Structure formats: structure tokens, C-alpha cells
Amino acid sequence: MASHPEQGWSLLCNGVLLFEDTGELLPDGQIIAPHRPLGTDQVMTAA
């Protein structure tokens, strides 16, 4: 594993590039889009 938090990414032992924004780049070139959970300041409730 290689970690470069100052650049916002880590290389896992299985060849996956994991990005700080939760996106992933798989060894076969597939992309997993960022999937950030909503923080409590971003959640809207119905009145």
C-alpha cells in the first residue's frame, strides 16, 4: 500500500487507486464515481 494524503490518494495492495473524495480507479480501468455521504449540514428535511 502507498499513501499520499497530501495528494489525496492511496494505492491499495490489490491495485485499486482510492481517492480522498471516495472515488476509485480499478486495475482494469473501471471508474467508481465519488459517493460522498451527505453531512448533517447538507441534509434537508421536509417541514
C-alpha atoms as a PDB file:
ATOM      1  CA  MET A   1       0.000   0.000   0.000  1.00  0.00           C
ATOM      2  CA  ALA A   2       1.169   3.504  -0.779  1.00  0.00           C
ATOM      3  CA  SER A   3      -0.482   6.513   0.818  1.00  0.00           C
ATOM      4  CA  HIS A   4      -0.165  10.122  -0.344  1.00  0.00           C
ATOM      5  CA  PRO A   5      -2.729  12.084   1.684  1.00  0.00           C
ATOM      6  CA  GLU A   6      -1.144  15.372   0.624  1.00  0.00           C
ATOM      7  CA  GLN A   7      -2.169  14.458  -2.938  1.00  0.00           C
ATOM      8  CA  GLY A   8      -5.496  12.898  -1.932  1.00  0.00           C
ATOM      9  CA  TRP A   9      -4.932   9.268  -2.973  1.00  0.00           C
ATOM     10  CA  SER A  10      -3.777   5.848  -1.809  1.00  0.00           C
ATOM     11  CA  LEU A  11      -2.711   2.764  -3.767  1.00  0.00           C
ATOM     12  CA  LEU A  12      -4.066  -0.408  -2.175  1.00  0.00           C
ATOM     13  CA  CYS A  13      -2.300  -3.784  -2.310  1.00  0.00           C
ATOM     14  CA  ASN A  14      -4.908  -5.088  -4.790  1.00  0.00           C
ATOM     15  CA  GLY A  15      -4.030  -2.363  -7.334  1.00  0.00           C
ATOM     16  CA  VAL A  16      -7.006  -0.101  -6.600  1.00  0.00           C
ATOM     17  CA  LEU A  17      -6.365   3.648  -6.501  1.00  0.00           C
ATOM     18  CA  LEU A  18      -8.523   5.096  -3.728  1.00  0.00           C
ATOM     19  CA  PHE A  19      -9.144   8.842  -3.822  1.00  0.00           C
ATOM     20  CA  GLU A  20      -9.883  11.099  -0.856  1.00  0.00           C
ATOM     21  CA  ASP A  21     -13.206  12.106  -2.442  1.00  0.00           C
ATOM     22  CA  THR A  22     -14.240   8.396  -2.214  1.00  0.00           C
ATOM     23  CA  GLY A  23     -13.784   7.755  -5.943  1.00  0.00           C
ATOM     24  CA  GLU A  24     -11.857   4.694  -7.127  1.00  0.00           C
ATOM     25  CA  LEU A  25      -9.889   3.656 -10.211  1.00  0.00           C
ATOM     26  CA  LEU A  26      -9.768  -0.132 -10.555  1.00  0.00           C
ATOM     27  CA  PRO A  27      -6.845  -2.042 -12.108  1.00  0.00           C
ATOM     28  CA  ASP A  28      -8.934  -2.887 -15.203  1.00  0.00           C
ATOM     29  CA  GLY A  29      -9.604   0.819 -15.835  1.00  0.00           C
ATOM     30  CA  GLN A  30     -13.142   0.918 -14.455  1.00  0.00           C
ATOM     31  CA  ILE A  31     -14.078   4.042 -12.530  1.00  0.00           C
ATOM     32  CA  ILE A  32     -16.201   4.160  -9.394  1.00  0.00           C
ATOM     33  CA  ALA A  33     -17.545   7.678  -9.095  1.00  0.00           C
ATOM     34  CA  PRO A  34     -17.196   9.570  -5.807  1.00  0.00           C
ATOM     35  CA  HIS A  35     -20.004   8.701  -3.410  1.00  0.00           C
ATOM     36  CA  ARG A  36     -19.732  11.152  -0.584  1.00  0.00           C
ATOM     37  CA  PRO A  37     -22.341  10.717   2.134  1.00  0.00           C
ATOM     38  CA  LEU A  38     -24.315  13.821   2.968  1.00  0.00           C
ATOM     39  CA  GLY A  39     -23.155  15.524   6.129  1.00  0.00           C
ATOM     40  CA  THR A  40     -25.723  16.744   8.612  1.00  0.00           C
ATOM     41  CA  ASP A  41     -25.248  20.304   7.334  1.00  0.00           C
ATOM     42  CA  GLN A  42     -26.314  19.166   3.846  1.00  0.00           C
ATOM     43  CA  VAL A  43     -29.384  17.114   4.802  1.00  0.00           C
ATOM     44  CA  MET A  44     -32.702  18.815   4.149  1.00  0.00           C
ATOM     45  CA  THR A  45     -35.861  17.812   5.953  1.00  0.00           C
ATOM     46  CA  ALA A  46     -39.457  18.447   4.926  1.00  0.00           C
ATOM     47  CA  ALA A  47     -41.354  20.920   7.065  1.00  0.00           C
END
